[in-house]
Each structure stands twice: as structure tokens, then as C-alpha cells.
N, C-alpha and C. Protein backbone atom coordinates (compact mmCIF):
# COMPACT_ATOMS: atom_id res chain seq x y z
N MET A 1 1.04 -4.48 -0.36
CA MET A 1 0.69 -5.55 0.24
C MET A 1 0.61 -6.73 -0.93
N ARG A 2 0.87 -6.35 -2.05
CA ARG A 2 1.00 -7.28 -3.12
C ARG A 2 2.18 -8.34 -2.89
N PHE A 3 3.06 -7.96 -2.18
CA PHE A 3 4.24 -8.82 -1.86
C PHE A 3 3.76 -9.91 -1.00
N PHE A 4 2.84 -9.61 -0.14
CA PHE A 4 2.35 -10.83 0.68
C PHE A 4 1.56 -11.92 -0.10
N VAL A 5 0.65 -11.16 -0.92
CA VAL A 5 -0.15 -12.09 -1.60
C VAL A 5 0.56 -13.00 -2.56
N THR A 6 1.40 -12.54 -3.31
CA THR A 6 2.41 -13.31 -4.28
C THR A 6 3.44 -14.13 -3.60
N GLY A 7 3.59 -13.99 -2.25
CA GLY A 7 4.58 -14.69 -1.55
C GLY A 7 6.00 -14.10 -1.67
N GLU A 8 6.10 -12.97 -2.34
CA GLU A 8 7.43 -12.33 -2.43
C GLU A 8 8.10 -11.80 -1.09
N GLN A 9 7.32 -11.69 -0.03
CA GLN A 9 7.73 -11.22 1.12
C GLN A 9 8.91 -12.24 1.73
N LYS A 10 8.77 -13.48 1.24
CA LYS A 10 9.78 -14.42 1.70
C LYS A 10 11.15 -14.17 1.02
N ARG A 11 11.26 -13.48 0.03
CA ARG A 11 12.34 -13.13 -0.69
C ARG A 11 12.91 -11.67 -0.47
N GLN A 12 12.00 -10.87 0.09
CA GLN A 12 12.18 -9.35 0.16
C GLN A 12 12.63 -9.08 1.60
N THR A 13 13.91 -9.12 1.79
CA THR A 13 14.55 -8.75 3.00
C THR A 13 14.20 -7.32 3.39
N LEU A 14 14.24 -6.43 2.56
CA LEU A 14 13.92 -4.92 2.64
C LEU A 14 12.45 -4.81 3.11
N LEU A 15 11.56 -5.36 2.49
CA LEU A 15 10.15 -5.34 2.95
C LEU A 15 9.88 -5.95 4.24
N ASN A 16 10.55 -6.98 4.55
CA ASN A 16 10.44 -7.59 6.02
C ASN A 16 11.09 -6.46 6.94
N THR A 17 12.03 -5.90 6.67
CA THR A 17 12.67 -5.08 7.52
C THR A 17 11.85 -3.86 7.73
N ILE A 18 11.22 -3.30 6.71
CA ILE A 18 10.21 -2.14 6.89
C ILE A 18 9.08 -2.51 7.75
N VAL A 19 8.49 -3.76 7.64
CA VAL A 19 7.33 -4.22 8.37
C VAL A 19 8.01 -4.29 9.87
N LEU A 20 8.99 -4.80 10.09
CA LEU A 20 9.56 -5.06 11.34
C LEU A 20 9.76 -3.59 12.08
N MET A 21 10.18 -2.58 11.35
CA MET A 21 10.42 -1.31 11.88
C MET A 21 9.01 -0.62 12.14
N PHE A 22 7.99 -0.82 11.35
CA PHE A 22 6.71 -0.44 11.50
C PHE A 22 6.04 -1.12 12.82
N LEU A 23 6.30 -2.31 13.01
CA LEU A 23 5.82 -2.99 14.30
C LEU A 23 6.55 -2.36 15.54
N GLY A 24 7.88 -2.23 15.39
CA GLY A 24 8.57 -1.44 16.45
C GLY A 24 7.93 -0.17 16.90
N TYR A 25 7.56 0.64 15.78
CA TYR A 25 6.87 1.83 16.05
C TYR A 25 5.53 1.65 16.75
N ILE A 26 4.85 0.68 16.30
CA ILE A 26 3.54 0.28 17.09
C ILE A 26 3.72 -0.11 18.40
N VAL A 27 4.83 -0.76 18.78
CA VAL A 27 5.18 -1.17 20.07
C VAL A 27 5.30 0.19 20.94
N LEU A 28 5.99 1.13 20.44
CA LEU A 28 6.00 2.46 21.06
C LEU A 28 4.69 3.02 21.37
N LEU A 29 3.88 2.88 20.33
CA LEU A 29 2.33 3.43 20.47
C LEU A 29 1.79 2.54 21.55
N TRP A 30 1.87 1.38 21.63
CA TRP A 30 1.14 0.39 22.40
C TRP A 30 1.50 0.78 23.93
N ILE A 31 2.87 0.99 24.12
CA ILE A 31 3.39 1.33 25.50
C ILE A 31 2.86 2.56 25.84
N SER A 32 2.89 3.60 24.98
CA SER A 32 2.52 5.09 25.30
C SER A 32 1.06 5.02 25.48
N ASN A 33 0.25 4.29 25.04
CA ASN A 33 -1.37 4.17 25.17
C ASN A 33 -1.39 3.73 26.50
N ALA A 34 -0.73 2.66 26.87
CA ALA A 34 -0.79 2.23 28.35
C ALA A 34 -0.42 3.13 29.37
N MET A 35 0.81 3.91 29.08
CA MET A 35 1.13 4.88 29.95
C MET A 35 0.15 5.98 30.25
N MET A 36 -0.51 6.35 29.05
CA MET A 36 -1.47 7.51 29.15
C MET A 36 -2.65 6.96 30.07
N PHE A 37 -3.20 5.70 29.72
CA PHE A 37 -4.22 5.23 30.55
C PHE A 37 -3.91 5.20 31.92
N PHE A 38 -2.76 4.69 32.46
CA PHE A 38 -2.45 4.62 33.84
C PHE A 38 -2.13 5.97 34.41
N HIS A 39 -1.74 7.00 33.58
CA HIS A 39 -1.55 8.32 34.10
C HIS A 39 -2.85 9.02 34.34
N LYS A 40 -3.82 8.85 33.43
CA LYS A 40 -5.13 9.33 33.68
C LYS A 40 -6.09 8.73 34.57
N MET A 41 -6.02 7.37 34.56
CA MET A 41 -7.06 6.51 35.40
C MET A 41 -6.36 5.40 36.02
N GLY A 42 -5.94 4.50 35.50
CA GLY A 42 -5.50 3.17 36.05
C GLY A 42 -6.66 2.20 36.02
N LEU A 43 -6.31 1.06 36.56
CA LEU A 43 -7.31 -0.08 36.49
C LEU A 43 -8.29 0.01 37.68
N ASN A 44 -8.29 0.88 38.68
CA ASN A 44 -9.27 1.24 39.59
C ASN A 44 -10.52 1.78 39.04
N PRO A 45 -11.64 1.08 39.04
CA PRO A 45 -12.91 1.67 38.45
C PRO A 45 -13.24 2.83 39.13
N ASP A 46 -12.97 3.15 40.39
CA ASP A 46 -13.28 4.38 40.95
C ASP A 46 -12.46 5.58 40.40
N ALA A 47 -11.12 5.31 39.98
CA ALA A 47 -10.37 6.29 39.24
C ALA A 47 -11.02 6.56 37.90
N VAL A 48 -11.55 5.43 37.18
CA VAL A 48 -12.30 5.76 35.96
C VAL A 48 -13.40 6.66 36.05
N VAL A 49 -14.32 6.27 37.00
CA VAL A 49 -15.38 7.14 37.26
C VAL A 49 -14.94 8.62 37.62
N GLU A 50 -13.97 8.90 38.32
CA GLU A 50 -13.50 10.07 38.72
C GLU A 50 -13.01 10.77 37.58
N TYR A 51 -12.32 10.10 36.47
CA TYR A 51 -11.79 10.77 35.35
C TYR A 51 -12.94 11.15 34.37
N TYR A 52 -14.10 10.51 34.25
CA TYR A 52 -15.03 10.96 33.43
C TYR A 52 -16.28 11.69 34.18
N LEU A 53 -16.47 11.54 35.30
CA LEU A 53 -17.45 12.25 36.06
C LEU A 53 -16.95 13.63 36.93
N GLY A 54 -15.61 13.60 36.98
CA GLY A 54 -15.03 14.71 37.71
C GLY A 54 -14.96 14.39 39.24
N SER A 55 -14.32 15.29 39.95
CA SER A 55 -14.19 15.15 41.38
C SER A 55 -14.21 16.51 42.15
N GLU A 56 -15.20 16.60 43.07
CA GLU A 56 -15.29 17.83 43.84
C GLU A 56 -13.96 18.08 44.71
N GLU A 57 -13.44 16.93 45.18
CA GLU A 57 -12.23 17.06 46.05
C GLU A 57 -11.10 17.47 45.25
N LYS A 58 -10.95 17.09 44.07
CA LYS A 58 -9.86 17.48 43.25
C LYS A 58 -10.07 18.63 42.19
N PHE A 59 -11.22 19.15 42.48
CA PHE A 59 -11.77 20.25 41.62
C PHE A 59 -11.51 20.01 40.13
N THR A 60 -11.91 18.75 39.65
CA THR A 60 -11.95 18.51 38.21
C THR A 60 -13.33 18.44 37.73
N GLN A 61 -13.50 18.85 36.43
CA GLN A 61 -14.97 18.87 35.97
C GLN A 61 -15.19 17.47 35.17
N PRO A 62 -16.44 17.27 35.07
CA PRO A 62 -16.82 16.04 34.22
C PRO A 62 -16.35 16.18 32.80
N LYS A 63 -16.13 15.12 32.12
CA LYS A 63 -15.78 15.29 30.62
C LYS A 63 -17.04 15.70 29.88
N SER A 64 -16.79 16.71 29.10
CA SER A 64 -17.90 17.18 28.28
C SER A 64 -18.29 16.53 27.18
N TYR A 65 -19.49 16.50 26.58
CA TYR A 65 -19.82 15.95 25.37
C TYR A 65 -18.96 16.20 24.25
N GLN A 66 -18.67 17.44 23.96
CA GLN A 66 -17.66 17.82 22.92
C GLN A 66 -16.33 17.24 23.17
N SER A 67 -15.82 17.19 24.35
CA SER A 67 -14.49 16.62 24.59
C SER A 67 -14.47 15.12 24.23
N LEU A 68 -15.54 14.40 24.73
CA LEU A 68 -15.70 12.94 24.39
C LEU A 68 -15.72 12.67 22.94
N LEU A 69 -16.70 13.57 22.21
CA LEU A 69 -16.78 13.41 20.80
C LEU A 69 -15.47 13.66 20.03
N GLU A 70 -14.63 14.70 20.42
CA GLU A 70 -13.41 14.97 19.61
C GLU A 70 -12.47 13.69 19.81
N VAL A 71 -12.40 13.27 20.91
CA VAL A 71 -11.46 11.89 21.31
C VAL A 71 -12.01 10.85 20.46
N THR A 72 -13.18 10.59 20.67
CA THR A 72 -13.92 9.34 19.92
C THR A 72 -13.67 9.57 18.41
N HIS A 73 -13.89 10.79 17.85
CA HIS A 73 -13.79 10.92 16.41
C HIS A 73 -12.36 10.59 15.93
N PHE A 74 -11.32 11.22 16.61
CA PHE A 74 -9.94 10.69 16.22
C PHE A 74 -9.68 9.36 16.54
N HIS A 75 -10.08 8.90 17.64
CA HIS A 75 -9.72 7.40 17.99
C HIS A 75 -10.38 6.30 17.08
N LEU A 76 -11.54 6.59 16.75
CA LEU A 76 -12.22 5.52 15.75
C LEU A 76 -11.55 5.58 14.42
N PHE A 77 -11.00 6.60 13.96
CA PHE A 77 -10.20 6.64 12.70
C PHE A 77 -8.86 5.92 12.88
N ALA A 78 -8.16 6.36 13.94
CA ALA A 78 -6.74 5.93 14.17
C ALA A 78 -6.71 4.50 14.71
N MET A 79 -7.65 4.04 15.54
CA MET A 79 -7.74 2.82 16.06
C MET A 79 -8.11 1.91 14.95
N GLY A 80 -8.99 2.36 14.11
CA GLY A 80 -9.59 1.52 12.95
C GLY A 80 -8.39 1.19 11.91
N MET A 81 -7.56 2.24 11.68
CA MET A 81 -6.44 2.00 10.74
C MET A 81 -5.31 1.08 11.30
N LEU A 82 -5.09 1.37 12.58
CA LEU A 82 -4.15 0.45 13.34
C LEU A 82 -4.60 -0.99 13.26
N ALA A 83 -5.89 -1.23 13.70
CA ALA A 83 -6.45 -2.40 13.72
C ALA A 83 -6.47 -3.21 12.21
N VAL A 84 -6.90 -2.42 11.29
CA VAL A 84 -6.79 -3.10 9.95
C VAL A 84 -5.47 -3.41 9.35
N THR A 85 -4.52 -2.51 9.69
CA THR A 85 -3.09 -2.83 9.43
C THR A 85 -2.54 -4.08 10.02
N LEU A 86 -2.66 -4.00 11.37
CA LEU A 86 -2.27 -5.27 12.16
C LEU A 86 -2.86 -6.51 11.69
N THR A 87 -4.26 -6.50 11.64
CA THR A 87 -4.91 -7.84 11.31
C THR A 87 -4.59 -8.07 9.86
N HIS A 88 -4.32 -7.11 8.95
CA HIS A 88 -3.95 -7.52 7.46
C HIS A 88 -2.57 -8.38 7.51
N LEU A 89 -1.64 -7.72 8.30
CA LEU A 89 -0.39 -8.37 8.46
C LEU A 89 -0.60 -9.75 9.07
N LEU A 90 -1.44 -10.03 10.05
CA LEU A 90 -1.72 -11.16 10.57
C LEU A 90 -2.28 -12.23 9.70
N LEU A 91 -3.01 -11.89 8.59
CA LEU A 91 -3.41 -12.73 7.68
C LEU A 91 -2.32 -13.48 6.97
N PHE A 92 -1.32 -12.88 6.85
CA PHE A 92 -0.20 -13.61 5.93
C PHE A 92 0.82 -14.31 6.86
N THR A 93 0.47 -14.53 8.10
CA THR A 93 1.26 -15.49 9.10
C THR A 93 0.96 -16.75 8.84
N PRO A 94 1.67 -17.82 9.08
CA PRO A 94 1.38 -19.16 8.96
C PRO A 94 0.49 -19.77 10.13
N LEU A 95 -0.23 -18.88 10.78
CA LEU A 95 -0.94 -19.31 11.98
C LEU A 95 -2.35 -19.97 11.61
N ALA A 96 -2.98 -20.68 12.37
CA ALA A 96 -4.25 -21.33 12.03
C ALA A 96 -5.20 -20.26 11.77
N MET A 97 -6.13 -20.42 10.83
CA MET A 97 -7.23 -19.38 10.43
C MET A 97 -8.00 -19.10 11.61
N ASN A 98 -8.54 -20.09 12.38
CA ASN A 98 -9.40 -19.89 13.47
C ASN A 98 -8.75 -18.83 14.40
N LEU A 99 -7.45 -18.91 14.60
CA LEU A 99 -6.78 -17.91 15.60
C LEU A 99 -6.72 -16.70 14.92
N LYS A 100 -6.50 -16.53 13.70
CA LYS A 100 -6.59 -15.08 12.92
C LYS A 100 -7.93 -14.46 13.16
N VAL A 101 -8.88 -15.20 12.86
CA VAL A 101 -10.29 -14.83 12.82
C VAL A 101 -10.62 -14.41 14.33
N TRP A 102 -10.38 -15.06 15.32
CA TRP A 102 -10.57 -14.89 16.76
C TRP A 102 -9.97 -13.61 17.06
N LEU A 103 -8.64 -13.46 16.81
CA LEU A 103 -7.80 -12.32 17.18
C LEU A 103 -8.25 -11.02 16.65
N THR A 104 -8.69 -11.14 15.15
CA THR A 104 -9.17 -10.03 14.45
C THR A 104 -10.47 -9.52 15.13
N GLY A 105 -11.40 -10.38 15.33
CA GLY A 105 -12.74 -10.03 16.12
C GLY A 105 -12.42 -9.40 17.42
N LEU A 106 -11.59 -10.00 18.08
CA LEU A 106 -11.32 -9.51 19.47
C LEU A 106 -10.69 -8.15 19.36
N THR A 107 -9.71 -8.01 18.47
CA THR A 107 -9.16 -6.56 18.36
C THR A 107 -10.20 -5.46 17.85
N PHE A 108 -11.00 -5.68 16.92
CA PHE A 108 -12.00 -4.65 16.56
C PHE A 108 -12.89 -4.44 17.57
N SER A 109 -13.46 -5.56 18.19
CA SER A 109 -14.44 -5.40 19.10
C SER A 109 -14.05 -4.65 20.39
N SER A 110 -12.69 -4.95 20.78
CA SER A 110 -12.30 -4.27 22.15
C SER A 110 -11.89 -2.88 21.77
N ALA A 111 -11.55 -2.52 20.53
CA ALA A 111 -11.28 -1.20 20.21
C ALA A 111 -12.56 -0.26 20.34
N VAL A 112 -13.72 -0.94 19.71
CA VAL A 112 -14.94 -0.10 19.82
C VAL A 112 -15.47 -0.05 21.17
N ALA A 113 -15.25 -1.16 21.91
CA ALA A 113 -15.73 -1.18 23.32
C ALA A 113 -15.06 -0.11 24.18
N ASP A 114 -13.73 -0.07 23.90
CA ASP A 114 -12.90 0.98 24.67
C ASP A 114 -13.47 2.44 24.54
N GLU A 115 -13.77 2.67 23.27
CA GLU A 115 -14.42 3.95 22.86
C GLU A 115 -15.73 4.26 23.51
N ILE A 116 -16.61 3.18 23.43
CA ILE A 116 -17.96 3.37 23.87
C ILE A 116 -17.99 3.40 25.41
N ALA A 117 -17.14 2.75 26.16
CA ALA A 117 -17.21 2.54 27.58
C ALA A 117 -17.03 4.01 28.25
N GLY A 118 -16.21 4.83 27.84
CA GLY A 118 -16.23 6.17 28.30
C GLY A 118 -17.44 6.86 28.20
N TRP A 119 -18.11 6.91 27.10
CA TRP A 119 -19.53 7.47 27.00
C TRP A 119 -20.55 6.82 28.04
N LEU A 120 -20.33 5.47 28.13
CA LEU A 120 -21.31 4.82 29.04
C LEU A 120 -21.07 5.27 30.51
N VAL A 121 -19.88 5.48 30.90
CA VAL A 121 -19.47 5.90 32.31
C VAL A 121 -19.91 7.29 32.44
N ARG A 122 -19.74 8.12 31.59
CA ARG A 122 -20.07 9.55 31.69
C ARG A 122 -21.70 9.72 31.59
N PHE A 123 -22.37 9.14 30.75
CA PHE A 123 -23.71 9.50 30.46
C PHE A 123 -24.71 8.37 30.83
N VAL A 124 -24.30 7.19 31.18
CA VAL A 124 -25.32 6.16 31.48
C VAL A 124 -25.20 5.82 32.91
N HIS A 125 -24.02 5.31 33.39
CA HIS A 125 -24.00 4.81 34.71
C HIS A 125 -22.46 4.49 35.06
N PRO A 126 -22.01 4.95 36.26
CA PRO A 126 -20.69 4.77 36.71
C PRO A 126 -20.13 3.28 36.75
N GLY A 127 -21.15 2.39 36.84
CA GLY A 127 -20.98 1.00 36.93
C GLY A 127 -20.16 0.57 35.61
N PHE A 128 -20.34 1.32 34.55
CA PHE A 128 -19.48 0.91 33.25
C PHE A 128 -18.18 1.16 33.46
N ALA A 129 -17.68 1.48 34.49
CA ALA A 129 -16.17 1.71 34.69
C ALA A 129 -15.49 0.30 34.69
N TRP A 130 -16.11 -0.70 35.07
CA TRP A 130 -15.51 -2.17 34.87
C TRP A 130 -15.35 -2.44 33.53
N PHE A 131 -16.44 -2.01 32.68
CA PHE A 131 -16.36 -2.31 31.42
C PHE A 131 -15.31 -1.68 30.65
N LYS A 132 -15.02 -0.35 30.97
CA LYS A 132 -13.81 0.39 30.54
C LYS A 132 -12.48 -0.19 30.83
N VAL A 133 -12.43 -0.71 32.01
CA VAL A 133 -11.11 -1.43 32.33
C VAL A 133 -10.97 -2.71 31.56
N GLY A 134 -11.92 -3.51 31.55
CA GLY A 134 -12.02 -4.63 30.78
C GLY A 134 -11.60 -4.55 29.28
N ALA A 135 -12.42 -3.47 28.63
CA ALA A 135 -12.19 -3.20 27.21
C ALA A 135 -10.70 -2.64 26.91
N PHE A 136 -10.18 -1.82 27.85
CA PHE A 136 -8.74 -1.50 27.67
C PHE A 136 -7.76 -2.61 27.89
N LEU A 137 -8.02 -3.42 28.80
CA LEU A 137 -7.03 -4.60 28.84
C LEU A 137 -7.18 -5.67 27.72
N THR A 138 -8.32 -5.78 27.21
CA THR A 138 -8.63 -6.71 26.14
C THR A 138 -7.91 -6.09 24.83
N LEU A 139 -8.02 -4.86 24.69
CA LEU A 139 -7.53 -4.22 23.42
C LEU A 139 -5.96 -4.22 23.71
N GLU A 140 -5.42 -3.88 24.69
CA GLU A 140 -4.00 -3.99 24.89
C GLU A 140 -3.43 -5.49 24.70
N PHE A 141 -4.08 -6.39 25.12
CA PHE A 141 -3.78 -7.74 25.12
C PHE A 141 -3.73 -8.16 23.44
N SER A 142 -4.95 -7.81 22.91
CA SER A 142 -4.97 -8.30 21.48
C SER A 142 -4.02 -7.62 20.58
N LEU A 143 -3.66 -6.38 20.82
CA LEU A 143 -2.65 -5.54 20.02
C LEU A 143 -1.36 -6.18 20.34
N GLY A 144 -1.06 -6.53 21.56
CA GLY A 144 0.23 -7.03 22.01
C GLY A 144 0.39 -8.39 21.31
N ALA A 145 -0.55 -9.27 21.30
CA ALA A 145 -0.57 -10.59 20.75
C ALA A 145 -0.36 -10.43 19.26
N MET A 146 -1.00 -9.52 18.58
CA MET A 146 -0.69 -9.43 17.16
C MET A 146 0.72 -8.92 16.91
N LEU A 147 1.18 -7.97 17.62
CA LEU A 147 2.41 -7.52 17.44
C LEU A 147 3.48 -8.60 17.65
N ILE A 148 3.35 -9.43 18.69
CA ILE A 148 4.23 -10.55 18.89
C ILE A 148 4.21 -11.62 17.74
N LEU A 149 2.94 -11.98 17.33
CA LEU A 149 2.76 -13.13 16.30
C LEU A 149 3.26 -12.65 14.89
N VAL A 150 3.00 -11.42 14.66
CA VAL A 150 3.48 -10.89 13.28
C VAL A 150 5.01 -10.73 13.19
N SER A 151 5.54 -10.29 14.42
CA SER A 151 7.02 -10.03 14.49
C SER A 151 7.60 -11.40 14.32
N ALA A 152 7.23 -12.28 15.23
CA ALA A 152 7.72 -13.79 15.24
C ALA A 152 7.67 -14.35 13.89
N SER A 153 6.60 -14.21 13.25
CA SER A 153 6.48 -14.79 11.86
C SER A 153 7.52 -14.28 10.74
N LEU A 154 7.82 -12.93 10.93
CA LEU A 154 8.79 -12.37 10.03
C LEU A 154 10.09 -12.66 10.44
N VAL A 155 10.36 -12.72 11.70
CA VAL A 155 11.86 -13.41 12.13
C VAL A 155 11.99 -14.75 11.74
N TRP A 156 10.95 -15.60 11.70
CA TRP A 156 11.11 -16.96 11.45
C TRP A 156 11.35 -17.06 9.90
N GLN A 157 10.69 -16.25 9.16
CA GLN A 157 10.78 -16.19 7.66
C GLN A 157 12.21 -15.61 7.32
N ARG A 158 12.80 -14.78 8.02
CA ARG A 158 14.07 -14.27 7.85
C ARG A 158 15.22 -15.44 8.06
N ARG A 159 14.99 -16.07 9.27
CA ARG A 159 15.86 -17.14 9.52
C ARG A 159 15.85 -18.30 8.52
N ALA A 160 14.64 -18.50 8.03
CA ALA A 160 14.47 -19.64 7.00
C ALA A 160 15.04 -19.15 5.70
N GLN A 161 15.19 -17.92 5.31
CA GLN A 161 15.90 -17.48 4.17
C GLN A 161 17.26 -17.71 4.30
N ARG A 162 17.86 -17.49 5.49
CA ARG A 162 19.24 -17.67 5.74
C ARG A 162 19.81 -19.12 5.80
N THR A 163 18.89 -19.97 6.39
CA THR A 163 19.35 -21.43 6.64
C THR A 163 18.96 -22.28 5.62
N GLY A 164 17.90 -21.97 4.62
CA GLY A 164 17.54 -22.88 3.68
C GLY A 164 16.14 -23.49 3.84
N PRO A 165 15.71 -24.16 2.79
CA PRO A 165 14.28 -24.67 2.76
C PRO A 165 14.00 -25.70 3.84
N GLU A 166 14.99 -26.63 4.36
CA GLU A 166 14.62 -27.62 5.36
C GLU A 166 14.37 -26.90 6.60
N THR A 167 14.84 -25.80 7.04
CA THR A 167 14.57 -25.02 8.34
C THR A 167 13.26 -24.35 8.18
N SER A 168 13.13 -23.83 7.01
CA SER A 168 11.76 -23.21 6.61
C SER A 168 10.49 -23.90 6.98
N SER A 169 10.62 -25.33 6.56
CA SER A 169 9.45 -26.12 6.88
C SER A 169 9.23 -26.24 8.42
N ALA A 170 10.39 -26.39 9.04
CA ALA A 170 10.34 -26.51 10.50
C ALA A 170 9.68 -25.28 11.09
N ALA A 171 10.24 -24.06 10.67
CA ALA A 171 9.62 -22.76 11.16
C ALA A 171 8.06 -22.66 11.01
N VAL A 172 7.65 -23.02 9.76
CA VAL A 172 6.20 -22.90 9.42
C VAL A 172 5.46 -23.87 10.40
N ALA A 173 5.88 -25.15 10.56
CA ALA A 173 5.26 -26.07 11.41
C ALA A 173 5.23 -25.68 12.78
N ALA A 174 6.23 -24.99 13.29
CA ALA A 174 6.22 -24.49 14.68
C ALA A 174 5.24 -23.33 14.77
N ALA A 175 5.28 -22.57 13.73
CA ALA A 175 4.20 -21.35 13.86
C ALA A 175 2.83 -21.88 13.60
N GLU A 176 2.51 -22.89 12.79
CA GLU A 176 1.17 -23.28 12.85
C GLU A 176 0.76 -24.15 14.03
N GLY A 177 1.69 -24.71 14.71
CA GLY A 177 1.28 -25.30 15.95
C GLY A 177 0.95 -24.29 16.97
N MET A 178 1.47 -22.99 16.96
CA MET A 178 1.01 -21.90 17.90
C MET A 178 -0.42 -21.62 17.72
N GLY A 179 -0.94 -21.86 16.45
CA GLY A 179 -2.48 -21.41 16.35
C GLY A 179 -3.30 -22.45 16.65
N LYS A 180 -2.89 -23.76 17.09
CA LYS A 180 -3.85 -25.01 17.47
C LYS A 180 -4.24 -24.81 18.68
């Protein structure tokens, strides 16, 4: 990350390429996360309740405490690492600071809310299924937005390297305009 702090990323085509490949990998994770959610539950709160509380008609059992604990344990670490990595990359984009702060807070809070929501549906009240759906959608939106913004920033920086400093200023001005 030293390259971002010193500004060397603007001259480091290889580093930019590696970060773009990482972002491509995260896009695949983002897509598979949505596919798993829709395979297991979907956006229908009744399906969320059925997933966590089980169904006599389908002969499915409620999620156990141990099952939820194992998933939560893994997800808290993995989503935390994902969020800190993406928000760290977001910090070095030429976007407005208020957008960076807002998107960072939204990402971390929706990731935690998404984990807590399953527990609430299972052990507090089925009405929290709406909260689960909302937390999932907010998390997917915030991760998608960061993926797009960081990728676009890197692409603009690459174009600026190829075309010279006069285009670089225009690309930075355009990126800053997105954050206002």
C-alpha cells in the first residue's frame, strides 16, 4: 500500500494491473454471494423465515445455534477483510471525502447487519426477515459501488498515463465530480 501513499501507483502499471485483477476476483465473489443468497432464500421475507426457522412442509430443520455461529465466525473475518481492503483502495481514489466516508460506513454497517439479521430472524422474531433482505441488498449495493468506483479510478489513471498530464487533470476532475 506504500505505492498508494507515495503516489507511485500512477506510474506503476503492474501494480494497477494486479489491483484490477483483484477487483475482478472480488466481482466473482460478489456475484457468487448473490447467487447463493437467491438459491437459499431470495428477496421474499417468507423464504428468509423458512430458511432460518425451517419448514414442516419441506421437512427442513431450523438453523441451529452452532450452525449460525460457525457461519458468523467465518463471515465476520472474511467480510471484515474484504471491507477493509476495498475501503482502503477507495481511500486512494480522487473522489470526495464525504462519499468515501459514507460508503465506508455503509459497507461495514451493512456487513454486520447482514450477519446479525439471521440471528434475529432465528432467535428473536420472524419479522426481522425484512431487515435481512434490506441488509443483504445494502451490502451488495455498497460492495458493487466500491468495485465500480475503484476500478474506474484505476482505469482513468491508466488512460492518463498513456495520454499525458493534460488528460490526467480532466480525468481527476471528472472523478471528483462523481463524489459531489
